[in-house]
Amino acid sequence: MIYWKQRRGSLLEFLIDIDFSLKPSSLAPVLALYVLAISQLPIAIKTSAELACIGEVSNQLWKRSKTHANVNVIAVQKCNGAP
């Protein structure tokens, strides 16, 4: 088996080559894993956006108050939509 780092080309080309070299009976689990990975993308994007928001809001609050008390709690509440 050729490892990805030993080859030239993109990771996508490597994954396509792997899929075509598999037997038909093993394609179902591979396709299931692809579907599972693609279905998790919106959740990962939302989580990343929430983390970026929490970091930015907590940094701004900390600059204003110069104290760490409850800054992260307030940032989480603001970024998660709590009043």
PDB file of N, CA and C in Angstrom:
ATOM      1  N   MET A   1       0.835  -1.172   0.000  1.00  0.00           N
ATOM      2  CA  MET A   1       0.000   0.000   0.000  1.00  0.00           C
ATOM      3  C   MET A   1       0.887   1.245   0.000  1.00  0.00           C
ATOM      4  N   ILE A   2       0.507   2.222  -0.777  1.00  0.00           N
ATOM      5  CA  ILE A   2       1.257   3.473  -0.852  1.00  0.00           C
ATOM      6  C   ILE A   2       0.662   4.448   0.150  1.00  0.00           C
ATOM      7  N   TYR A   3       1.488   5.002   0.973  1.00  0.00           N
ATOM      8  CA  TYR A   3       1.019   5.980   1.952  1.00  0.00           C
ATOM      9  C   TYR A   3       0.931   7.348   1.300  1.00  0.00           C
ATOM     10  N   TRP A   4       0.052   8.208   1.836  1.00  0.00           N
ATOM     11  CA  TRP A   4      -0.221   9.504   1.247  1.00  0.00           C
ATOM     12  C   TRP A   4       1.022  10.382   1.198  1.00  0.00           C
ATOM     13  N   LYS A   5       1.843  10.390   2.247  1.00  0.00           N
ATOM     14  CA  LYS A   5       3.017  11.252   2.276  1.00  0.00           C
ATOM     15  C   LYS A   5       4.079  10.807   1.280  1.00  0.00           C
ATOM     16  N   GLN A   6       4.051   9.556   0.878  1.00  0.00           N
ATOM     17  CA  GLN A   6       5.021   9.058  -0.083  1.00  0.00           C
ATOM     18  C   GLN A   6       4.609   9.408  -1.514  1.00  0.00           C
ATOM     19  N   ARG A   7       3.349   9.730  -1.713  1.00  0.00           N
ATOM     20  CA  ARG A   7       2.826  10.039  -3.041  1.00  0.00           C
ATOM     21  C   ARG A   7       2.855  11.522  -3.313  1.00  0.00           C
ATOM     22  N   ARG A   8       2.789  11.844  -4.555  1.00  0.00           N
ATOM     23  CA  ARG A   8       2.594  13.239  -4.941  1.00  0.00           C
ATOM     24  C   ARG A   8       1.138  13.381  -5.361  1.00  0.00           C
ATOM     25  N   GLY A   9       0.543  14.475  -4.983  1.00  0.00           N
ATOM     26  CA  GLY A   9      -0.858  14.702  -5.316  1.00  0.00           C
ATOM     27  C   GLY A   9      -1.628  15.053  -4.057  1.00  0.00           C
ATOM     28  N   SER A  10      -2.911  15.292  -4.245  1.00  0.00           N
ATOM     29  CA  SER A  10      -3.728  15.737  -3.131  1.00  0.00           C
ATOM     30  C   SER A  10      -4.243  14.554  -2.316  1.00  0.00           C
ATOM     31  N   LEU A  11      -4.714  14.879  -1.128  1.00  0.00           N
ATOM     32  CA  LEU A  11      -5.301  13.861  -0.262  1.00  0.00           C
ATOM     33  C   LEU A  11      -6.563  13.298  -0.897  1.00  0.00           C
ATOM     34  N   LEU A  12      -7.336  14.137  -1.587  1.00  0.00           N
ATOM     35  CA  LEU A  12      -8.545  13.676  -2.246  1.00  0.00           C
ATOM     36  C   LEU A  12      -8.229  12.637  -3.316  1.00  0.00           C
ATOM     37  N   GLU A  13      -7.191  12.864  -4.099  1.00  0.00           N
ATOM     38  CA  GLU A  13      -6.789  11.876  -5.110  1.00  0.00           C
ATOM     39  C   GLU A  13      -6.402  10.557  -4.447  1.00  0.00           C
ATOM     40  N   PHE A  14      -5.714  10.651  -3.310  1.00  0.00           N
ATOM     41  CA  PHE A  14      -5.320   9.450  -2.584  1.00  0.00           C
ATOM     42  C   PHE A  14      -6.546   8.678  -2.109  1.00  0.00           C
ATOM     43  N   LEU A  15      -7.543   9.411  -1.568  1.00  0.00           N
ATOM     44  CA  LEU A  15      -8.754   8.740  -1.081  1.00  0.00           C
ATOM     45  C   LEU A  15      -9.537   8.114  -2.228  1.00  0.00           C
ATOM     46  N   ILE A  16      -9.569   8.780  -3.383  1.00  0.00           N
ATOM     47  CA  ILE A  16     -10.265   8.215  -4.542  1.00  0.00           C
ATOM     48  C   ILE A  16      -9.562   6.942  -4.999  1.00  0.00           C
ATOM     49  N   ASP A  17      -8.228   6.955  -5.011  1.00  0.00           N
ATOM     50  CA  ASP A  17      -7.479   5.761  -5.389  1.00  0.00           C
ATOM     51  C   ASP A  17      -7.755   4.611  -4.426  1.00  0.00           C
ATOM     52  N   ILE A  18      -7.873   4.906  -3.152  1.00  0.00           N
ATOM     53  CA  ILE A  18      -8.170   3.854  -2.170  1.00  0.00           C
ATOM     54  C   ILE A  18      -9.530   3.252  -2.451  1.00  0.00           C
ATOM     55  N   ASP A  19     -10.525   4.121  -2.730  1.00  0.00           N
ATOM     56  CA  ASP A  19     -11.878   3.623  -2.963  1.00  0.00           C
ATOM     57  C   ASP A  19     -11.941   2.704  -4.177  1.00  0.00           C
ATOM     58  N   PHE A  20     -11.257   3.042  -5.245  1.00  0.00           N
ATOM     59  CA  PHE A  20     -11.311   2.215  -6.433  1.00  0.00           C
ATOM     60  C   PHE A  20     -10.527   0.921  -6.270  1.00  0.00           C
ATOM     61  N   SER A  21      -9.606   0.887  -5.339  1.00  0.00           N
ATOM     62  CA  SER A  21      -8.840  -0.331  -5.143  1.00  0.00           C
ATOM     63  C   SER A  21      -9.527  -1.288  -4.168  1.00  0.00           C
ATOM     64  N   LEU A  22     -10.604  -0.848  -3.519  1.00  0.00           N
ATOM     65  CA  LEU A  22     -11.309  -1.711  -2.575  1.00  0.00           C
ATOM     66  C   LEU A  22     -12.249  -2.664  -3.304  1.00  0.00           C
ATOM     67  N   LYS A  23     -12.553  -3.733  -2.642  1.00  0.00           N
ATOM     68  CA  LYS A  23     -13.527  -4.676  -3.193  1.00  0.00           C
ATOM     69  C   LYS A  23     -14.922  -4.088  -3.045  1.00  0.00           C
ATOM     70  N   PRO A  24     -15.861  -4.490  -3.896  1.00  0.00           N
ATOM     71  CA  PRO A  24     -17.219  -3.939  -3.798  1.00  0.00           C
ATOM     72  C   PRO A  24     -17.877  -4.174  -2.438  1.00  0.00           C
ATOM     73  N   SER A  25     -17.531  -5.261  -1.764  1.00  0.00           N
ATOM     74  CA  SER A  25     -18.155  -5.542  -0.477  1.00  0.00           C
ATOM     75  C   SER A  25     -17.686  -4.586   0.614  1.00  0.00           C
ATOM     76  N   SER A  26     -16.555  -3.924   0.400  1.00  0.00           N
ATOM     77  CA  SER A  26     -16.051  -2.995   1.417  1.00  0.00           C
ATOM     78  C   SER A  26     -16.343  -1.543   1.078  1.00  0.00           C
ATOM     79  N   LEU A  27     -17.050  -1.286  -0.016  1.00  0.00           N
ATOM     80  CA  LEU A  27     -17.372   0.091  -0.376  1.00  0.00           C
ATOM     81  C   LEU A  27     -18.471   0.668   0.496  1.00  0.00           C
ATOM     82  N   ALA A  28     -19.394  -0.155   0.972  1.00  0.00           N
ATOM     83  CA  ALA A  28     -20.497   0.352   1.795  1.00  0.00           C
ATOM     84  C   ALA A  28     -19.990   1.009   3.079  1.00  0.00           C
ATOM     85  N   PRO A  29     -19.089   0.395   3.827  1.00  0.00           N
ATOM     86  CA  PRO A  29     -18.589   1.084   5.031  1.00  0.00           C
ATOM     87  C   PRO A  29     -17.841   2.377   4.707  1.00  0.00           C
ATOM     88  N   VAL A  30     -17.106   2.387   3.603  1.00  0.00           N
ATOM     89  CA  VAL A  30     -16.375   3.597   3.215  1.00  0.00           C
ATOM     90  C   VAL A  30     -17.362   4.713   2.880  1.00  0.00           C
ATOM     91  N   LEU A  31     -18.390   4.404   2.112  1.00  0.00           N
ATOM     92  CA  LEU A  31     -19.396   5.403   1.774  1.00  0.00           C
ATOM     93  C   LEU A  31     -20.150   5.864   3.020  1.00  0.00           C
ATOM     94  N   ALA A  32     -20.417   4.952   3.932  1.00  0.00           N
ATOM     95  CA  ALA A  32     -21.089   5.325   5.182  1.00  0.00           C
ATOM     96  C   ALA A  32     -20.227   6.293   5.987  1.00  0.00           C
ATOM     97  N   LEU A  33     -18.930   6.063   6.013  1.00  0.00           N
ATOM     98  CA  LEU A  33     -18.028   6.973   6.724  1.00  0.00           C
ATOM     99  C   LEU A  33     -17.971   8.337   6.058  1.00  0.00           C
ATOM    100  N   TYR A  34     -17.986   8.377   4.732  1.00  0.00           N
ATOM    101  CA  TYR A  34     -18.016   9.654   4.017  1.00  0.00           C
ATOM    102  C   TYR A  34     -19.288  10.432   4.360  1.00  0.00           C
ATOM    103  N   VAL A  35     -20.429   9.752   4.330  1.00  0.00           N
ATOM    104  CA  VAL A  35     -21.702  10.405   4.647  1.00  0.00           C
ATOM    105  C   VAL A  35     -21.688  10.907   6.088  1.00  0.00           C
ATOM    106  N   LEU A  36     -21.168  10.109   7.002  1.00  0.00           N
ATOM    107  CA  LEU A  36     -21.085  10.516   8.403  1.00  0.00           C
ATOM    108  C   LEU A  36     -20.198  11.749   8.559  1.00  0.00           C
ATOM    109  N   ALA A  37     -19.063  11.761   7.879  1.00  0.00           N
ATOM    110  CA  ALA A  37     -18.147  12.908   7.970  1.00  0.00           C
ATOM    111  C   ALA A  37     -18.785  14.163   7.389  1.00  0.00           C
ATOM    112  N   ILE A  38     -19.447  14.047   6.262  1.00  0.00           N
ATOM    113  CA  ILE A  38     -20.078  15.207   5.636  1.00  0.00           C
ATOM    114  C   ILE A  38     -21.238  15.723   6.487  1.00  0.00           C
ATOM    115  N   SER A  39     -21.973  14.826   7.130  1.00  0.00           N
ATOM    116  CA  SER A  39     -23.105  15.268   7.949  1.00  0.00           C
ATOM    117  C   SER A  39     -22.650  15.988   9.215  1.00  0.00           C
ATOM    118  N   GLN A  40     -21.406  15.797   9.624  1.00  0.00           N
ATOM    119  CA  GLN A  40     -20.901  16.466  10.822  1.00  0.00           C
ATOM    120  C   GLN A  40     -20.319  17.844  10.536  1.00  0.00           C
ATOM    121  N   LEU A  41     -20.152  18.215   9.280  1.00  0.00           N
ATOM    122  CA  LEU A  41     -19.576  19.510   8.932  1.00  0.00           C
ATOM    123  C   LEU A  41     -20.371  20.701   9.460  1.00  0.00           C
ATOM    124  N   PRO A  42     -21.692  20.750   9.319  1.00  0.00           N
ATOM    125  CA  PRO A  42     -22.419  21.908   9.855  1.00  0.00           C
ATOM    126  C   PRO A  42     -22.255  22.057  11.371  1.00  0.00           C
ATOM    127  N   ILE A  43     -22.207  20.957  12.083  1.00  0.00           N
ATOM    128  CA  ILE A  43     -22.029  21.002  13.531  1.00  0.00           C
ATOM    129  C   ILE A  43     -20.639  21.534  13.871  1.00  0.00           C
ATOM    130  N   ALA A  44     -19.640  21.101  13.125  1.00  0.00           N
ATOM    131  CA  ALA A  44     -18.273  21.572  13.373  1.00  0.00           C
ATOM    132  C   ALA A  44     -18.148  23.059  13.073  1.00  0.00           C
ATOM    133  N   ILE A  45     -18.795  23.534  12.020  1.00  0.00           N
ATOM    134  CA  ILE A  45     -18.751  24.956  11.682  1.00  0.00           C
ATOM    135  C   ILE A  45     -19.431  25.781  12.770  1.00  0.00           C
ATOM    136  N   LYS A  46     -20.589  25.315  13.246  1.00  0.00           N
ATOM    137  CA  LYS A  46     -21.316  26.028  14.300  1.00  0.00           C
ATOM    138  C   LYS A  46     -20.488  26.084  15.576  1.00  0.00           C
ATOM    139  N   THR A  47     -19.881  24.974  15.952  1.00  0.00           N
ATOM    140  CA  THR A  47     -19.065  24.927  17.160  1.00  0.00           C
ATOM    141  C   THR A  47     -17.860  25.847  17.043  1.00  0.00           C
ATOM    142  N   SER A  48     -17.223  25.848  15.895  1.00  0.00           N
ATOM    143  CA  SER A  48     -16.066  26.738  15.684  1.00  0.00           C
ATOM    144  C   SER A  48     -16.475  28.203  15.788  1.00  0.00           C
ATOM    145  N   ALA A  49     -17.627  28.547  15.237  1.00  0.00           N
ATOM    146  CA  ALA A  49     -18.110  29.926  15.312  1.00  0.00           C
ATOM    147  C   ALA A  49     -18.416  30.314  16.755  1.00  0.00           C
ATOM    148  N   GLU A  50     -19.016  29.395  17.508  1.00  0.00           N
ATOM    149  CA  GLU A  50     -19.314  29.682  18.917  1.00  0.00           C
ATOM    150  C   GLU A  50     -18.028  29.889  19.712  1.00  0.00           C
ATOM    151  N   LEU A  51     -17.028  29.058  19.471  1.00  0.00           N
ATOM    152  CA  LEU A  51     -15.758  29.212  20.187  1.00  0.00           C
ATOM    153  C   LEU A  51     -15.075  30.529  19.843  1.00  0.00           C
ATOM    154  N   ALA A  52     -15.122  30.912  18.589  1.00  0.00           N
ATOM    155  CA  ALA A  52     -14.521  32.186  18.194  1.00  0.00           C
ATOM    156  C   ALA A  52     -15.266  33.344  18.841  1.00  0.00           C
ATOM    157  N   CYS A  53     -16.575  33.256  18.897  1.00  0.00           N
ATOM    158  CA  CYS A  53     -17.387  34.298  19.525  1.00  0.00           C
ATOM    159  C   CYS A  53     -17.070  34.393  21.016  1.00  0.00           C
ATOM    160  N   ILE A  54     -17.013  33.274  21.694  1.00  0.00           N
ATOM    161  CA  ILE A  54     -16.717  33.258  23.129  1.00  0.00           C
ATOM    162  C   ILE A  54     -15.343  33.865  23.393  1.00  0.00           C
ATOM    163  N   GLY A  55     -14.360  33.513  22.595  1.00  0.00           N
ATOM    164  CA  GLY A  55     -13.021  34.062  22.769  1.00  0.00           C
ATOM    165  C   GLY A  55     -12.991  35.561  22.571  1.00  0.00           C
ATOM    166  N   GLU A  56     -13.666  36.039  21.535  1.00  0.00           N
ATOM    167  CA  GLU A  56     -13.668  37.479  21.245  1.00  0.00           C
ATOM    168  C   GLU A  56     -14.414  38.265  22.316  1.00  0.00           C
ATOM    169  N   VAL A  57     -15.594  37.795  22.701  1.00  0.00           N
ATOM    170  CA  VAL A  57     -16.404  38.505  23.702  1.00  0.00           C
ATOM    171  C   VAL A  57     -15.696  38.504  25.052  1.00  0.00           C
ATOM    172  N   SER A  58     -15.129  37.371  25.452  1.00  0.00           N
ATOM    173  CA  SER A  58     -14.451  37.323  26.752  1.00  0.00           C
ATOM    174  C   SER A  58     -13.217  38.228  26.753  1.00  0.00           C
ATOM    175  N   ASN A  59     -12.531  38.314  25.627  1.00  0.00           N
ATOM    176  CA  ASN A  59     -11.374  39.204  25.533  1.00  0.00           C
ATOM    177  C   ASN A  59     -11.803  40.666  25.664  1.00  0.00           C
ATOM    178  N   GLN A  60     -12.878  41.044  24.994  1.00  0.00           N
ATOM    179  CA  GLN A  60     -13.370  42.419  25.081  1.00  0.00           C
ATOM    180  C   GLN A  60     -13.831  42.754  26.493  1.00  0.00           C
ATOM    181  N   LEU A  61     -14.569  41.819  27.119  1.00  0.00           N
ATOM    182  CA  LEU A  61     -15.040  42.062  28.487  1.00  0.00           C
ATOM    183  C   LEU A  61     -13.874  42.164  29.464  1.00  0.00           C
ATOM    184  N   TRP A  62     -12.875  41.332  29.262  1.00  0.00           N
ATOM    185  CA  TRP A  62     -11.718  41.365  30.159  1.00  0.00           C
ATOM    186  C   TRP A  62     -10.964  42.689  30.021  1.00  0.00           C
ATOM    187  N   LYS A  63     -10.847  43.193  28.787  1.00  0.00           N
ATOM    188  CA  LYS A  63     -10.168  44.474  28.586  1.00  0.00           C
ATOM    189  C   LYS A  63     -10.898  45.610  29.300  1.00  0.00           C
ATOM    190  N   ARG A  64     -12.245  45.551  29.286  1.00  0.00           N
ATOM    191  CA  ARG A  64     -13.020  46.603  29.945  1.00  0.00           C
ATOM    192  C   ARG A  64     -12.957  46.506  31.462  1.00  0.00           C
ATOM    193  N   SER A  65     -13.084  45.280  31.987  1.00  0.00           N
ATOM    194  CA  SER A  65     -13.207  45.128  33.442  1.00  0.00           C
ATOM    195  C   SER A  65     -11.876  44.865  34.136  1.00  0.00           C
ATOM    196  N   LYS A  66     -10.876  44.385  33.399  1.00  0.00           N
ATOM    197  CA  LYS A  66      -9.564  44.027  33.959  1.00  0.00           C
ATOM    198  C   LYS A  66      -9.661  42.993  35.084  1.00  0.00           C
ATOM    199  N   THR A  67     -10.703  42.193  35.054  1.00  0.00           N
ATOM    200  CA  THR A  67     -10.854  41.123  36.030  1.00  0.00           C
ATOM    201  C   THR A  67     -11.356  39.873  35.312  1.00  0.00           C
ATOM    202  N   HIS A  68     -10.989  38.738  35.836  1.00  0.00           N
ATOM    203  CA  HIS A  68     -11.402  37.472  35.219  1.00  0.00           C
ATOM    204  C   HIS A  68     -12.732  36.956  35.772  1.00  0.00           C
ATOM    205  N   ALA A  69     -13.238  37.611  36.787  1.00  0.00           N
ATOM    206  CA  ALA A  69     -14.448  37.118  37.456  1.00  0.00           C
ATOM    207  C   ALA A  69     -15.636  37.165  36.499  1.00  0.00           C
ATOM    208  N   ASN A  70     -16.206  36.018  36.244  1.00  0.00           N
ATOM    209  CA  ASN A  70     -17.431  35.838  35.451  1.00  0.00           C
ATOM    210  C   ASN A  70     -17.332  36.293  33.995  1.00  0.00           C
ATOM    211  N   VAL A  71     -16.164  36.644  33.518  1.00  0.00           N
ATOM    212  CA  VAL A  71     -16.032  37.087  32.124  1.00  0.00           C
ATOM    213  C   VAL A  71     -16.404  35.957  31.169  1.00  0.00           C
ATOM    214  N   ASN A  72     -15.899  34.769  31.419  1.00  0.00           N
ATOM    215  CA  ASN A  72     -16.189  33.639  30.521  1.00  0.00           C
ATOM    216  C   ASN A  72     -17.649  33.219  30.602  1.00  0.00           C
ATOM    217  N   VAL A  73     -18.233  33.298  31.789  1.00  0.00           N
ATOM    218  CA  VAL A  73     -19.652  32.935  31.940  1.00  0.00           C
ATOM    219  C   VAL A  73     -20.520  33.881  31.121  1.00  0.00           C
ATOM    220  N   ILE A  74     -20.239  35.166  31.205  1.00  0.00           N
ATOM    221  CA  ILE A  74     -21.013  36.167  30.451  1.00  0.00           C
ATOM    222  C   ILE A  74     -20.809  35.965  28.951  1.00  0.00           C
ATOM    223  N   ALA A  75     -19.576  35.669  28.542  1.00  0.00           N
ATOM    224  CA  ALA A  75     -19.296  35.449  27.109  1.00  0.00           C
ATOM    225  C   ALA A  75     -20.049  34.236  26.585  1.00  0.00           C
ATOM    226  N   VAL A  76     -20.072  33.161  27.338  1.00  0.00           N
ATOM    227  CA  VAL A  76     -20.808  31.958  26.907  1.00  0.00           C
ATOM    228  C   VAL A  76     -22.290  32.262  26.812  1.00  0.00           C
ATOM    229  N   GLN A  77     -22.825  33.000  27.765  1.00  0.00           N
ATOM    230  CA  GLN A  77     -24.245  33.339  27.721  1.00  0.00           C
ATOM    231  C   GLN A  77     -24.567  34.210  26.508  1.00  0.00           C
ATOM    232  N   LYS A  78     -23.730  35.176  26.201  1.00  0.00           N
ATOM    233  CA  LYS A  78     -23.985  36.047  25.042  1.00  0.00           C
ATOM    234  C   LYS A  78     -23.886  35.271  23.725  1.00  0.00           C
ATOM    235  N   CYS A  79     -22.899  34.406  23.611  1.00  0.00           N
ATOM    236  CA  CYS A  79     -22.681  33.700  22.345  1.00  0.00           C
ATOM    237  C   CYS A  79     -23.639  32.543  22.119  1.00  0.00           C
ATOM    238  N   ASN A  80     -24.194  32.018  23.180  1.00  0.00           N
ATOM    239  CA  ASN A  80     -25.148  30.913  23.038  1.00  0.00           C
ATOM    240  C   ASN A  80     -26.593  31.392  22.966  1.00  0.00           C
ATOM    241  N   GLY A  81     -26.791  32.709  22.976  1.00  0.00           N
ATOM    242  CA  GLY A  81     -28.121  33.256  22.797  1.00  0.00           C
ATOM    243  C   GLY A  81     -28.915  33.409  24.076  1.00  0.00           C
ATOM    244  N   ALA A  82     -28.323  33.225  25.233  1.00  0.00           N
ATOM    245  CA  ALA A  82     -29.034  33.422  26.483  1.00  0.00           C
ATOM    246  C   ALA A  82     -29.174  34.921  26.753  1.00  0.00           C
ATOM    247  N   PRO A  83     -30.276  35.340  27.355  1.00  0.00           N
ATOM    248  CA  PRO A  83     -30.475  36.779  27.618  1.00  0.00           C
ATOM    249  C   PRO A  83     -29.542  37.311  28.675  1.00  0.00           C
TER     250      PRO A  83
END
